[in-house]
């Protein structure tokens, strides 16, 4: 399953040396890592780009990592979060989990364990969200099928990949770069205007479904319930 073989990970860590070590280790495993050194950078990246998981340090120079996590959960973002921190006391573990963390790993940590825990979190996330719905539109990741109400909607592989990314989770802004990256595993090359063509075709096929794809200029696309 391609989604589990290559993950797109947001690393929120202000320690340059540690961030380089962790990034290099994950990159060697084939994953793509974006790093944020501050809460402000992390907020922007997290909202604009699509990530499969987040590695979050709680001690940041401009804000508390717990607040960053709390804000993300408050807007409905369910991206798996693994907290990495030197603050390893029981009460701080509890605070992180209560704020919405999925797992907690104290420093120092084993790099192989970080990757293993991330994979476990993403697998768990997929198991919980095999089926997701917006309006009358629903997508079943396990069976790779899309439905409008009770009726199946047949989509070519690339259109399904775009829709799947937009629905992970619904309401999240997905950049053009992130969508292009998800499509890059197909055999033929992705033309510059191909993504816009996919979006246009999807919009037509979703008419009457109660789900619409909205373009946010300079940011990307999101799918949301139509009112």
N, C-alpha and C. Protein backbone atom coordinates (compact mmCIF):
# COMPACT_ATOMS: atom_id res chain seq x y z
N UNK A 1 0.85 -1.19 0.00
CA UNK A 1 0.00 0.00 0.00
C UNK A 1 0.88 1.24 0.00
N UNK A 2 0.84 2.03 -1.03
CA UNK A 2 1.77 3.13 -1.21
C UNK A 2 1.71 4.13 -0.08
N UNK A 3 0.51 4.35 0.46
CA UNK A 3 0.34 5.35 1.51
C UNK A 3 1.21 5.04 2.72
N UNK A 4 1.41 3.72 3.00
CA UNK A 4 2.20 3.35 4.15
C UNK A 4 3.68 3.24 3.83
N UNK A 5 4.05 3.04 2.56
CA UNK A 5 5.46 2.90 2.21
C UNK A 5 6.16 4.24 2.26
N UNK A 6 5.51 5.30 1.82
CA UNK A 6 6.12 6.63 1.80
C UNK A 6 5.22 7.63 2.47
N UNK A 7 5.67 8.15 3.59
CA UNK A 7 4.86 9.10 4.33
C UNK A 7 5.40 10.52 4.15
N UNK A 8 4.48 11.47 4.23
CA UNK A 8 4.84 12.89 4.22
C UNK A 8 4.69 13.36 5.66
N UNK A 9 5.80 13.77 6.27
CA UNK A 9 5.84 14.01 7.71
C UNK A 9 6.22 15.46 8.00
N UNK A 10 5.49 16.07 8.94
CA UNK A 10 5.86 17.40 9.45
C UNK A 10 6.63 17.21 10.74
N UNK A 11 7.88 17.68 10.78
CA UNK A 11 8.72 17.62 11.96
C UNK A 11 8.77 19.01 12.58
N UNK A 12 8.24 19.16 13.78
CA UNK A 12 8.24 20.43 14.49
C UNK A 12 9.29 20.33 15.60
N UNK A 13 10.46 20.90 15.33
CA UNK A 13 11.60 20.76 16.24
C UNK A 13 12.53 21.94 16.06
N UNK A 14 12.86 22.65 17.16
CA UNK A 14 13.71 23.83 17.05
C UNK A 14 15.19 23.50 17.20
N UNK A 15 15.53 22.32 17.65
CA UNK A 15 16.93 21.90 17.78
C UNK A 15 17.45 21.49 16.40
N UNK A 16 18.33 22.29 15.84
CA UNK A 16 18.79 22.08 14.46
C UNK A 16 19.46 20.72 14.29
N UNK A 17 20.35 20.38 15.20
CA UNK A 17 21.08 19.11 15.08
C UNK A 17 20.14 17.91 15.16
N UNK A 18 19.26 17.92 16.13
CA UNK A 18 18.31 16.82 16.28
C UNK A 18 17.39 16.73 15.06
N UNK A 19 16.92 17.89 14.59
CA UNK A 19 16.04 17.89 13.42
C UNK A 19 16.74 17.30 12.20
N UNK A 20 18.01 17.62 12.02
CA UNK A 20 18.75 17.07 10.88
C UNK A 20 18.90 15.56 10.99
N UNK A 21 19.19 15.08 12.20
CA UNK A 21 19.36 13.64 12.40
C UNK A 21 18.06 12.89 12.13
N UNK A 22 16.96 13.39 12.70
CA UNK A 22 15.67 12.74 12.51
C UNK A 22 15.23 12.80 11.04
N UNK A 23 15.39 13.97 10.42
CA UNK A 23 15.01 14.13 9.01
C UNK A 23 15.79 13.18 8.12
N UNK A 24 17.10 13.09 8.37
CA UNK A 24 17.94 12.21 7.55
C UNK A 24 17.53 10.75 7.71
N UNK A 25 17.24 10.35 8.95
CA UNK A 25 16.84 8.97 9.21
C UNK A 25 15.54 8.62 8.49
N UNK A 26 14.56 9.52 8.56
CA UNK A 26 13.27 9.27 7.90
C UNK A 26 13.41 9.32 6.39
N UNK A 27 14.23 10.25 5.89
CA UNK A 27 14.45 10.34 4.44
C UNK A 27 15.11 9.07 3.92
N UNK A 28 16.02 8.49 4.71
CA UNK A 28 16.68 7.25 4.30
C UNK A 28 15.68 6.10 4.19
N UNK A 29 14.57 6.22 4.91
CA UNK A 29 13.51 5.21 4.82
C UNK A 29 12.54 5.50 3.68
N UNK A 30 12.80 6.57 2.93
CA UNK A 30 11.96 6.90 1.79
C UNK A 30 10.87 7.90 2.06
N UNK A 31 10.86 8.49 3.26
CA UNK A 31 9.80 9.44 3.60
C UNK A 31 10.19 10.87 3.26
N UNK A 32 9.18 11.71 3.09
CA UNK A 32 9.40 13.13 2.81
C UNK A 32 9.14 13.92 4.08
N UNK A 33 10.10 14.73 4.49
CA UNK A 33 10.01 15.45 5.76
C UNK A 33 10.06 16.96 5.52
N UNK A 34 9.09 17.67 6.09
CA UNK A 34 9.09 19.13 6.13
C UNK A 34 9.36 19.54 7.57
N UNK A 35 10.28 20.48 7.78
CA UNK A 35 10.63 20.86 9.14
C UNK A 35 10.16 22.27 9.47
N UNK A 36 9.62 22.45 10.67
CA UNK A 36 9.27 23.77 11.18
C UNK A 36 10.01 23.96 12.49
N UNK A 37 10.66 25.12 12.65
CA UNK A 37 11.43 25.38 13.86
C UNK A 37 10.64 26.16 14.89
N UNK A 38 9.49 26.71 14.49
CA UNK A 38 8.66 27.50 15.40
C UNK A 38 7.21 27.07 15.27
N UNK A 39 6.40 27.45 16.26
CA UNK A 39 4.98 27.15 16.20
C UNK A 39 4.31 27.89 15.04
N UNK A 40 4.76 29.11 14.77
CA UNK A 40 4.18 29.89 13.68
C UNK A 40 4.41 29.20 12.33
N UNK A 41 5.64 28.73 12.10
CA UNK A 41 5.92 28.00 10.87
C UNK A 41 5.09 26.73 10.79
N UNK A 42 5.01 26.03 11.92
CA UNK A 42 4.27 24.76 11.95
C UNK A 42 2.80 24.96 11.65
N UNK A 43 2.20 26.02 12.21
CA UNK A 43 0.78 26.29 11.98
C UNK A 43 0.51 26.47 10.49
N UNK A 44 1.37 27.25 9.85
CA UNK A 44 1.16 27.52 8.43
C UNK A 44 1.32 26.24 7.60
N UNK A 45 2.39 25.50 7.83
CA UNK A 45 2.63 24.27 7.07
C UNK A 45 1.51 23.25 7.31
N UNK A 46 1.11 23.11 8.56
CA UNK A 46 0.11 22.12 8.93
C UNK A 46 -1.22 22.42 8.27
N UNK A 47 -1.59 23.69 8.20
CA UNK A 47 -2.89 24.04 7.61
C UNK A 47 -2.88 23.98 6.10
N UNK A 48 -1.75 24.28 5.47
CA UNK A 48 -1.70 24.43 4.01
C UNK A 48 -1.32 23.13 3.31
N UNK A 49 -0.44 22.35 3.92
CA UNK A 49 0.05 21.14 3.26
C UNK A 49 -0.56 19.90 3.90
N UNK A 50 -0.65 18.85 3.11
CA UNK A 50 -1.17 17.60 3.62
C UNK A 50 -0.06 16.71 4.17
N UNK A 51 -0.21 16.27 5.40
CA UNK A 51 0.78 15.39 6.01
C UNK A 51 0.12 14.10 6.47
N UNK A 52 0.89 13.02 6.41
CA UNK A 52 0.41 11.75 6.91
C UNK A 52 0.59 11.65 8.42
N UNK A 53 1.57 12.38 8.96
CA UNK A 53 1.83 12.35 10.40
C UNK A 53 2.63 13.59 10.79
N UNK A 54 2.59 13.91 12.09
CA UNK A 54 3.32 15.05 12.64
C UNK A 54 4.18 14.57 13.81
N UNK A 55 5.46 14.95 13.80
CA UNK A 55 6.36 14.76 14.93
C UNK A 55 6.49 16.11 15.64
N UNK A 56 6.07 16.17 16.87
CA UNK A 56 5.92 17.47 17.54
C UNK A 56 6.73 17.55 18.83
N UNK A 57 7.63 18.53 18.87
CA UNK A 57 8.34 18.86 20.11
C UNK A 57 7.45 19.82 20.92
N UNK A 58 7.37 19.63 22.21
CA UNK A 58 6.51 20.47 23.03
C UNK A 58 7.14 21.81 23.39
N UNK A 59 8.47 21.89 23.39
CA UNK A 59 9.16 23.12 23.78
C UNK A 59 9.62 23.86 22.54
N UNK A 60 8.91 24.94 22.21
CA UNK A 60 9.21 25.72 21.01
C UNK A 60 9.53 27.16 21.43
N UNK A 61 10.32 27.89 20.63
CA UNK A 61 10.76 29.22 21.05
C UNK A 61 9.66 30.27 21.11
N UNK A 62 8.57 30.08 20.34
CA UNK A 62 7.56 31.13 20.28
C UNK A 62 6.20 30.72 20.84
N UNK A 63 6.03 29.46 21.21
CA UNK A 63 4.73 29.03 21.73
C UNK A 63 4.88 27.64 22.33
N UNK A 64 3.82 27.20 22.99
CA UNK A 64 3.79 25.87 23.57
C UNK A 64 3.30 24.87 22.54
N UNK A 65 4.01 23.76 22.39
CA UNK A 65 3.59 22.74 21.43
C UNK A 65 2.22 22.18 21.72
N UNK A 66 1.84 22.16 23.00
CA UNK A 66 0.51 21.70 23.37
C UNK A 66 -0.57 22.59 22.78
N UNK A 67 -0.33 23.90 22.74
CA UNK A 67 -1.30 24.82 22.17
C UNK A 67 -1.44 24.61 20.67
N UNK A 68 -0.31 24.37 20.01
CA UNK A 68 -0.33 24.09 18.58
C UNK A 68 -1.17 22.86 18.30
N UNK A 69 -0.99 21.82 19.10
CA UNK A 69 -1.75 20.59 18.93
C UNK A 69 -3.22 20.81 19.24
N UNK A 70 -3.49 21.53 20.31
CA UNK A 70 -4.87 21.83 20.69
C UNK A 70 -5.59 22.59 19.60
N UNK A 71 -4.92 23.55 18.98
CA UNK A 71 -5.52 24.34 17.89
C UNK A 71 -5.86 23.46 16.69
N UNK A 72 -4.94 22.55 16.36
CA UNK A 72 -5.17 21.65 15.21
C UNK A 72 -6.38 20.76 15.46
N UNK A 73 -6.44 20.19 16.64
CA UNK A 73 -7.59 19.32 16.95
C UNK A 73 -8.88 20.13 17.00
N UNK A 74 -8.79 21.37 17.44
CA UNK A 74 -9.97 22.22 17.52
C UNK A 74 -10.58 22.52 16.17
N UNK A 75 -9.75 22.55 15.13
CA UNK A 75 -10.30 22.81 13.79
C UNK A 75 -10.65 21.52 13.05
N UNK A 76 -10.58 20.37 13.77
CA UNK A 76 -11.01 19.11 13.19
C UNK A 76 -9.94 18.33 12.49
N UNK A 77 -8.68 18.75 12.60
CA UNK A 77 -7.59 18.03 11.95
C UNK A 77 -7.23 16.79 12.77
N UNK A 78 -7.31 15.61 12.16
CA UNK A 78 -7.07 14.36 12.87
C UNK A 78 -5.76 13.71 12.45
N UNK A 79 -4.84 14.46 11.85
CA UNK A 79 -3.54 13.91 11.46
C UNK A 79 -2.87 13.27 12.68
N UNK A 80 -2.35 12.04 12.56
CA UNK A 80 -1.68 11.40 13.69
C UNK A 80 -0.49 12.23 14.17
N UNK A 81 -0.36 12.38 15.50
CA UNK A 81 0.70 13.19 16.09
C UNK A 81 1.48 12.34 17.10
N UNK A 82 2.79 12.29 16.88
CA UNK A 82 3.71 11.66 17.82
C UNK A 82 4.52 12.77 18.49
N UNK A 83 4.34 12.92 19.79
CA UNK A 83 5.04 13.96 20.54
C UNK A 83 6.43 13.47 20.90
N UNK A 84 7.44 14.30 20.57
CA UNK A 84 8.83 14.03 20.94
C UNK A 84 9.28 15.12 21.89
N UNK A 85 9.68 14.75 23.09
CA UNK A 85 10.05 15.79 24.04
C UNK A 85 10.94 15.25 25.14
N UNK A 86 11.74 16.14 25.70
CA UNK A 86 12.57 15.79 26.85
C UNK A 86 11.74 15.84 28.13
N UNK A 87 10.58 16.49 28.05
CA UNK A 87 9.69 16.59 29.21
C UNK A 87 8.92 15.28 29.33
N UNK A 88 9.48 14.37 30.12
CA UNK A 88 9.02 12.99 30.09
C UNK A 88 8.30 12.58 31.36
N UNK A 89 7.90 13.57 32.20
CA UNK A 89 7.21 13.23 33.43
C UNK A 89 5.78 12.81 33.13
N UNK A 90 5.21 12.03 34.04
CA UNK A 90 3.88 11.46 33.81
C UNK A 90 2.82 12.52 33.54
N UNK A 91 2.85 13.62 34.33
CA UNK A 91 1.82 14.65 34.15
C UNK A 91 1.92 15.32 32.78
N UNK A 92 3.14 15.41 32.25
CA UNK A 92 3.31 16.02 30.93
C UNK A 92 2.89 15.07 29.82
N UNK A 93 3.10 13.78 30.03
CA UNK A 93 2.57 12.80 29.09
C UNK A 93 1.05 12.90 29.03
N UNK A 94 0.44 12.99 30.21
CA UNK A 94 -1.02 13.07 30.28
C UNK A 94 -1.51 14.34 29.59
N UNK A 95 -0.81 15.47 29.81
CA UNK A 95 -1.21 16.73 29.18
C UNK A 95 -1.15 16.62 27.66
N UNK A 96 -0.10 15.98 27.14
CA UNK A 96 0.02 15.82 25.69
C UNK A 96 -1.09 14.96 25.12
N UNK A 97 -1.39 13.86 25.78
CA UNK A 97 -2.46 12.97 25.30
C UNK A 97 -3.82 13.66 25.40
N UNK A 98 -4.03 14.42 26.47
CA UNK A 98 -5.30 15.14 26.61
C UNK A 98 -5.46 16.22 25.55
N UNK A 99 -4.36 16.78 25.08
CA UNK A 99 -4.42 17.81 24.04
C UNK A 99 -4.69 17.22 22.66
N UNK A 100 -4.59 15.88 22.55
CA UNK A 100 -4.91 15.25 21.27
C UNK A 100 -3.78 14.47 20.65
N UNK A 101 -2.64 14.30 21.36
CA UNK A 101 -1.55 13.50 20.81
C UNK A 101 -1.97 12.04 20.71
N UNK A 102 -1.46 11.35 19.71
CA UNK A 102 -1.77 9.94 19.53
C UNK A 102 -0.75 9.03 20.21
N UNK A 103 0.46 9.53 20.38
CA UNK A 103 1.51 8.75 21.03
C UNK A 103 2.55 9.72 21.58
N UNK A 104 3.43 9.21 22.44
CA UNK A 104 4.36 10.06 23.17
C UNK A 104 5.68 9.33 23.30
N UNK A 105 6.78 9.98 22.93
CA UNK A 105 8.10 9.36 23.00
C UNK A 105 9.07 10.35 23.62
N UNK A 106 9.67 9.98 24.75
CA UNK A 106 10.59 10.88 25.44
C UNK A 106 12.00 10.83 24.86
N UNK A 107 12.68 11.97 24.93
CA UNK A 107 14.08 12.05 24.50
C UNK A 107 14.98 11.59 25.66
N UNK A 108 16.08 10.88 25.33
CA UNK A 108 16.51 10.45 23.99
C UNK A 108 15.69 9.26 23.51
N UNK A 109 15.62 9.09 22.19
CA UNK A 109 14.82 8.02 21.62
C UNK A 109 15.60 7.32 20.52
N UNK A 110 15.14 6.14 20.18
CA UNK A 110 15.74 5.36 19.11
C UNK A 110 15.08 5.74 17.78
N UNK A 111 15.87 6.06 16.78
CA UNK A 111 15.33 6.51 15.49
C UNK A 111 14.45 5.46 14.83
N UNK A 112 14.83 4.21 14.97
CA UNK A 112 14.02 3.14 14.37
C UNK A 112 12.65 3.06 15.03
N UNK A 113 12.61 3.35 16.34
CA UNK A 113 11.33 3.33 17.05
C UNK A 113 10.43 4.47 16.59
N UNK A 114 11.02 5.63 16.29
CA UNK A 114 10.23 6.75 15.79
C UNK A 114 9.49 6.34 14.52
N UNK A 115 10.22 5.76 13.57
CA UNK A 115 9.61 5.38 12.30
C UNK A 115 8.56 4.29 12.50
N UNK A 116 8.85 3.33 13.37
CA UNK A 116 7.91 2.24 13.63
C UNK A 116 6.62 2.76 14.25
N UNK A 117 6.76 3.70 15.18
CA UNK A 117 5.56 4.26 15.82
C UNK A 117 4.74 5.08 14.83
N UNK A 118 5.42 5.82 13.95
CA UNK A 118 4.71 6.58 12.94
C UNK A 118 3.90 5.67 12.03
N UNK A 119 4.50 4.58 11.59
CA UNK A 119 3.79 3.63 10.74
C UNK A 119 2.57 3.07 11.46
N UNK A 120 2.73 2.74 12.73
CA UNK A 120 1.62 2.20 13.50
C UNK A 120 0.48 3.21 13.61
N UNK A 121 0.83 4.48 13.83
CA UNK A 121 -0.19 5.52 13.95
C UNK A 121 -0.94 5.72 12.64
N UNK A 122 -0.20 5.72 11.53
CA UNK A 122 -0.86 5.91 10.23
C UNK A 122 -1.75 4.72 9.90
N UNK A 123 -1.28 3.51 10.20
CA UNK A 123 -2.11 2.33 9.96
C UNK A 123 -3.39 2.39 10.80
N UNK A 124 -3.24 2.81 12.05
CA UNK A 124 -4.40 2.93 12.92
C UNK A 124 -5.38 3.96 12.38
N UNK A 125 -4.84 5.06 11.88
CA UNK A 125 -5.67 6.13 11.31
C UNK A 125 -6.47 5.61 10.12
N UNK A 126 -5.82 4.84 9.26
CA UNK A 126 -6.50 4.30 8.10
C UNK A 126 -7.58 3.30 8.51
N UNK A 127 -7.29 2.50 9.53
CA UNK A 127 -8.28 1.53 9.99
C UNK A 127 -9.51 2.23 10.53
N UNK A 128 -9.31 3.36 11.23
CA UNK A 128 -10.44 4.08 11.80
C UNK A 128 -11.25 4.80 10.75
N UNK A 129 -10.61 5.22 9.67
CA UNK A 129 -11.26 6.06 8.68
C UNK A 129 -11.34 5.37 7.31
N UNK A 130 -11.66 4.09 7.30
CA UNK A 130 -11.79 3.40 6.03
C UNK A 130 -12.86 4.04 5.15
N UNK A 131 -13.92 4.57 5.80
CA UNK A 131 -15.00 5.19 5.04
C UNK A 131 -15.21 6.61 5.56
N UNK A 132 -15.24 7.57 4.65
CA UNK A 132 -15.43 8.96 5.01
C UNK A 132 -16.50 9.55 4.09
N UNK A 133 -17.31 10.47 4.63
CA UNK A 133 -18.44 11.00 3.86
C UNK A 133 -18.51 12.52 3.97
N UNK A 134 -18.95 13.13 2.86
CA UNK A 134 -19.27 14.56 2.82
C UNK A 134 -20.53 14.68 1.98
N UNK A 135 -21.61 15.22 2.57
CA UNK A 135 -22.86 15.25 1.85
C UNK A 135 -23.31 13.84 1.51
N UNK A 136 -23.69 13.60 0.26
CA UNK A 136 -24.08 12.26 -0.19
C UNK A 136 -22.89 11.48 -0.74
N UNK A 137 -21.73 12.12 -0.76
CA UNK A 137 -20.51 11.48 -1.27
C UNK A 137 -19.83 10.69 -0.17
N UNK A 138 -19.45 9.46 -0.46
CA UNK A 138 -18.69 8.66 0.50
C UNK A 138 -17.61 7.89 -0.24
N UNK A 139 -16.49 7.71 0.44
CA UNK A 139 -15.34 7.01 -0.13
C UNK A 139 -14.91 5.91 0.84
N UNK A 140 -14.76 4.70 0.32
CA UNK A 140 -14.33 3.56 1.10
C UNK A 140 -12.91 3.20 0.67
N UNK A 141 -11.92 3.49 1.53
CA UNK A 141 -10.53 3.25 1.16
C UNK A 141 -10.20 1.76 1.08
N UNK A 142 -10.85 0.96 1.91
CA UNK A 142 -10.54 -0.46 1.93
C UNK A 142 -10.92 -1.13 0.62
N UNK A 143 -12.10 -0.78 0.09
CA UNK A 143 -12.57 -1.39 -1.16
C UNK A 143 -12.22 -0.56 -2.38
N UNK A 144 -11.66 0.67 -2.13
CA UNK A 144 -11.30 1.58 -3.23
C UNK A 144 -12.51 1.95 -4.09
N UNK A 145 -13.62 2.24 -3.41
CA UNK A 145 -14.86 2.58 -4.13
C UNK A 145 -15.42 3.91 -3.62
N UNK A 146 -16.13 4.59 -4.53
CA UNK A 146 -16.77 5.86 -4.22
C UNK A 146 -18.27 5.72 -4.49
N UNK A 147 -19.08 6.34 -3.63
CA UNK A 147 -20.53 6.25 -3.79
C UNK A 147 -21.17 7.63 -3.72
N UNK A 148 -22.23 7.80 -4.48
CA UNK A 148 -23.11 8.95 -4.36
C UNK A 148 -24.42 8.39 -3.82
N UNK A 149 -24.67 8.59 -2.54
CA UNK A 149 -25.77 7.89 -1.90
C UNK A 149 -25.45 6.41 -1.89
N UNK A 150 -26.36 5.61 -2.44
CA UNK A 150 -26.14 4.16 -2.51
C UNK A 150 -25.57 3.73 -3.85
N UNK A 151 -25.42 4.69 -4.78
CA UNK A 151 -24.97 4.35 -6.12
C UNK A 151 -23.46 4.50 -6.25
N UNK A 152 -22.78 3.49 -6.82
CA UNK A 152 -21.33 3.60 -7.01
C UNK A 152 -20.99 4.65 -8.07
N UNK A 153 -19.89 5.37 -7.83
CA UNK A 153 -19.38 6.36 -8.78
C UNK A 153 -18.03 5.84 -9.28
N UNK A 154 -17.97 5.48 -10.55
CA UNK A 154 -16.75 4.92 -11.11
C UNK A 154 -15.80 6.04 -11.50
N UNK A 155 -14.57 5.98 -10.98
CA UNK A 155 -13.56 7.00 -11.26
C UNK A 155 -12.28 6.35 -11.76
N UNK A 156 -11.60 6.97 -12.72
CA UNK A 156 -10.26 6.51 -13.11
C UNK A 156 -9.32 6.58 -11.91
N UNK A 157 -8.23 5.83 -11.96
CA UNK A 157 -7.32 5.71 -10.82
C UNK A 157 -6.81 7.06 -10.34
N UNK A 158 -6.45 7.95 -11.26
CA UNK A 158 -5.89 9.24 -10.85
C UNK A 158 -6.94 10.13 -10.20
N UNK A 159 -8.16 10.12 -10.73
CA UNK A 159 -9.21 10.92 -10.12
C UNK A 159 -9.53 10.39 -8.73
N UNK A 160 -9.51 9.07 -8.57
CA UNK A 160 -9.73 8.49 -7.25
C UNK A 160 -8.63 8.93 -6.28
N UNK A 161 -7.37 8.94 -6.75
CA UNK A 161 -6.25 9.35 -5.89
C UNK A 161 -6.41 10.79 -5.43
N UNK A 162 -6.84 11.68 -6.35
CA UNK A 162 -7.05 13.08 -5.99
C UNK A 162 -8.17 13.20 -4.96
N UNK A 163 -9.28 12.51 -5.19
CA UNK A 163 -10.42 12.57 -4.28
C UNK A 163 -10.04 12.01 -2.90
N UNK A 164 -9.29 10.92 -2.90
CA UNK A 164 -8.87 10.30 -1.64
C UNK A 164 -8.02 11.28 -0.82
N UNK A 165 -7.11 11.98 -1.49
CA UNK A 165 -6.26 12.94 -0.77
C UNK A 165 -7.08 14.11 -0.24
N UNK A 166 -8.04 14.58 -1.01
CA UNK A 166 -8.88 15.69 -0.57
C UNK A 166 -9.75 15.30 0.63
N UNK A 167 -10.05 14.02 0.76
CA UNK A 167 -10.90 13.54 1.83
C UNK A 167 -10.11 13.02 3.03
N UNK A 168 -8.82 13.37 3.12
CA UNK A 168 -7.97 12.89 4.22
C UNK A 168 -7.38 14.04 5.01
N UNK A 169 -8.14 14.66 5.93
CA UNK A 169 -9.59 14.51 6.13
C UNK A 169 -10.33 15.56 5.33
N UNK A 170 -11.67 15.50 5.26
CA UNK A 170 -12.45 16.55 4.58
C UNK A 170 -12.23 17.89 5.25
N UNK A 171 -12.27 18.96 4.45
CA UNK A 171 -12.12 20.30 4.99
C UNK A 171 -10.69 20.76 5.13
N UNK A 172 -9.71 19.89 4.84
CA UNK A 172 -8.30 20.27 4.92
C UNK A 172 -7.85 20.84 3.58
N UNK A 173 -7.11 21.94 3.62
CA UNK A 173 -6.57 22.51 2.39
C UNK A 173 -5.40 21.64 1.92
N UNK A 174 -5.46 21.20 0.67
CA UNK A 174 -4.41 20.37 0.09
C UNK A 174 -3.74 21.17 -1.03
N UNK A 175 -2.44 21.35 -0.93
CA UNK A 175 -1.72 22.14 -1.93
C UNK A 175 -1.63 21.38 -3.25
N UNK A 176 -1.42 22.13 -4.33
CA UNK A 176 -1.21 21.50 -5.63
C UNK A 176 0.01 20.59 -5.61
N UNK A 177 1.05 21.03 -4.89
CA UNK A 177 2.27 20.23 -4.81
C UNK A 177 2.00 18.88 -4.14
N UNK A 178 1.19 18.89 -3.07
CA UNK A 178 0.89 17.65 -2.36
C UNK A 178 0.08 16.71 -3.25
N UNK A 179 -0.88 17.25 -3.99
CA UNK A 179 -1.66 16.41 -4.89
C UNK A 179 -0.79 15.85 -6.02
N UNK A 180 0.07 16.69 -6.56
CA UNK A 180 0.97 16.22 -7.63
C UNK A 180 1.88 15.12 -7.12
N UNK A 181 2.31 15.24 -5.85
CA UNK A 181 3.18 14.22 -5.27
C UNK A 181 2.44 12.90 -5.15
N UNK A 182 1.16 12.94 -4.76
CA UNK A 182 0.38 11.72 -4.65
C UNK A 182 0.19 11.06 -6.01
N UNK A 183 0.13 11.87 -7.07
CA UNK A 183 -0.08 11.34 -8.41
C UNK A 183 1.21 10.89 -9.08
N UNK A 184 2.35 11.21 -8.49
CA UNK A 184 3.63 10.94 -9.15
C UNK A 184 3.97 9.47 -9.21
N UNK A 185 3.22 8.63 -8.50
CA UNK A 185 3.51 7.21 -8.54
C UNK A 185 2.96 6.51 -9.78
N UNK A 186 2.15 7.22 -10.57
CA UNK A 186 1.63 6.62 -11.78
C UNK A 186 2.70 6.59 -12.87
N UNK A 187 2.52 5.70 -13.85
CA UNK A 187 3.57 5.46 -14.84
C UNK A 187 3.83 6.66 -15.73
N UNK A 188 2.76 7.30 -16.24
CA UNK A 188 2.97 8.40 -17.17
C UNK A 188 3.23 9.69 -16.41
N UNK A 189 3.90 10.63 -17.06
CA UNK A 189 4.26 11.89 -16.44
C UNK A 189 3.03 12.78 -16.25
N UNK A 190 3.05 13.58 -15.22
CA UNK A 190 1.94 14.48 -14.93
C UNK A 190 2.18 15.81 -15.63
N UNK A 191 1.35 16.12 -16.59
CA UNK A 191 1.48 17.37 -17.31
C UNK A 191 1.14 18.54 -16.38
N UNK A 192 1.64 19.72 -16.73
CA UNK A 192 1.50 20.89 -15.86
C UNK A 192 0.03 21.22 -15.59
N UNK A 193 -0.82 21.04 -16.59
CA UNK A 193 -2.23 21.40 -16.41
C UNK A 193 -3.10 20.19 -16.10
N UNK A 194 -2.49 19.02 -15.86
CA UNK A 194 -3.28 17.81 -15.66
C UNK A 194 -4.09 17.87 -14.37
N UNK A 195 -3.51 18.41 -13.30
CA UNK A 195 -4.22 18.45 -12.03
C UNK A 195 -5.48 19.29 -12.13
N UNK A 196 -5.37 20.46 -12.79
CA UNK A 196 -6.55 21.30 -12.95
C UNK A 196 -7.64 20.57 -13.74
N UNK A 197 -7.22 19.76 -14.72
CA UNK A 197 -8.17 18.99 -15.51
C UNK A 197 -8.87 17.94 -14.65
N UNK A 198 -8.10 17.27 -13.77
CA UNK A 198 -8.70 16.29 -12.87
C UNK A 198 -9.73 16.95 -11.95
N UNK A 199 -9.35 18.10 -11.40
CA UNK A 199 -10.25 18.81 -10.49
C UNK A 199 -11.53 19.22 -11.22
N UNK A 200 -11.38 19.71 -12.43
CA UNK A 200 -12.55 20.12 -13.21
C UNK A 200 -13.48 18.94 -13.48
N UNK A 201 -12.91 17.80 -13.85
CA UNK A 201 -13.74 16.62 -14.12
C UNK A 201 -14.42 16.13 -12.84
N UNK A 202 -13.69 16.17 -11.74
CA UNK A 202 -14.28 15.74 -10.47
C UNK A 202 -15.44 16.64 -10.07
N UNK A 203 -15.27 17.94 -10.26
CA UNK A 203 -16.34 18.87 -9.90
C UNK A 203 -17.63 18.52 -10.66
N UNK A 204 -17.50 18.21 -11.93
CA UNK A 204 -18.68 17.87 -12.74
C UNK A 204 -19.31 16.57 -12.24
N UNK A 205 -18.49 15.60 -11.89
CA UNK A 205 -19.01 14.31 -11.43
C UNK A 205 -19.65 14.39 -10.05
N UNK A 206 -19.25 15.40 -9.26
CA UNK A 206 -19.78 15.53 -7.90
C UNK A 206 -21.01 16.43 -7.83
N UNK A 207 -21.43 16.97 -8.96
CA UNK A 207 -22.61 17.84 -8.96
C UNK A 207 -23.82 17.08 -8.41
N UNK A 208 -24.52 17.71 -7.47
CA UNK A 208 -25.69 17.09 -6.86
C UNK A 208 -25.36 16.18 -5.70
N UNK A 209 -24.06 16.06 -5.35
CA UNK A 209 -23.66 15.16 -4.27
C UNK A 209 -23.70 15.83 -2.90
N UNK A 210 -23.79 17.16 -2.89
CA UNK A 210 -23.71 17.87 -1.62
C UNK A 210 -22.29 18.12 -1.16
N UNK A 211 -21.31 17.71 -1.99
CA UNK A 211 -19.90 17.94 -1.70
C UNK A 211 -19.30 18.75 -2.84
N UNK A 212 -18.55 19.78 -2.51
CA UNK A 212 -17.96 20.63 -3.54
C UNK A 212 -16.48 20.83 -3.32
N UNK A 213 -15.73 20.96 -4.41
CA UNK A 213 -14.30 21.22 -4.34
C UNK A 213 -14.08 22.71 -4.52
N UNK A 214 -13.47 23.34 -3.52
CA UNK A 214 -13.24 24.79 -3.56
C UNK A 214 -11.76 25.07 -3.79
N UNK A 215 -11.47 26.06 -4.64
CA UNK A 215 -10.11 26.49 -4.90
C UNK A 215 -9.77 27.68 -4.00
N UNK A 216 -8.66 27.59 -3.28
CA UNK A 216 -8.16 28.71 -2.49
C UNK A 216 -6.90 29.21 -3.19
N UNK A 217 -7.02 30.34 -3.83
CA UNK A 217 -5.94 30.86 -4.67
C UNK A 217 -4.63 30.98 -3.89
N UNK A 218 -3.60 30.39 -4.46
CA UNK A 218 -2.28 30.43 -3.84
C UNK A 218 -2.07 29.38 -2.75
N UNK A 219 -3.14 28.67 -2.37
CA UNK A 219 -3.04 27.66 -1.31
C UNK A 219 -3.29 26.25 -1.82
N UNK A 220 -4.39 26.06 -2.54
CA UNK A 220 -4.69 24.72 -3.04
C UNK A 220 -6.18 24.49 -3.12
N UNK A 221 -6.61 23.28 -2.75
CA UNK A 221 -8.01 22.90 -2.86
C UNK A 221 -8.49 22.29 -1.54
N UNK A 222 -9.81 22.36 -1.33
CA UNK A 222 -10.40 21.62 -0.23
C UNK A 222 -11.78 21.14 -0.66
N UNK A 223 -12.25 20.08 -0.03
CA UNK A 223 -13.59 19.57 -0.32
C UNK A 223 -14.42 19.77 0.93
N UNK A 224 -15.65 20.26 0.74
CA UNK A 224 -16.51 20.58 1.88
C UNK A 224 -17.97 20.38 1.51
N UNK A 225 -18.80 20.27 2.52
CA UNK A 225 -20.23 20.11 2.30
C UNK A 225 -20.80 21.41 1.75
N UNK A 226 -21.64 21.32 0.75
CA UNK A 226 -22.29 22.49 0.17
C UNK A 226 -23.55 22.80 0.95
N UNK A 227 -23.79 24.08 1.19
CA UNK A 227 -24.98 24.49 1.94
C UNK A 227 -26.04 25.04 1.01
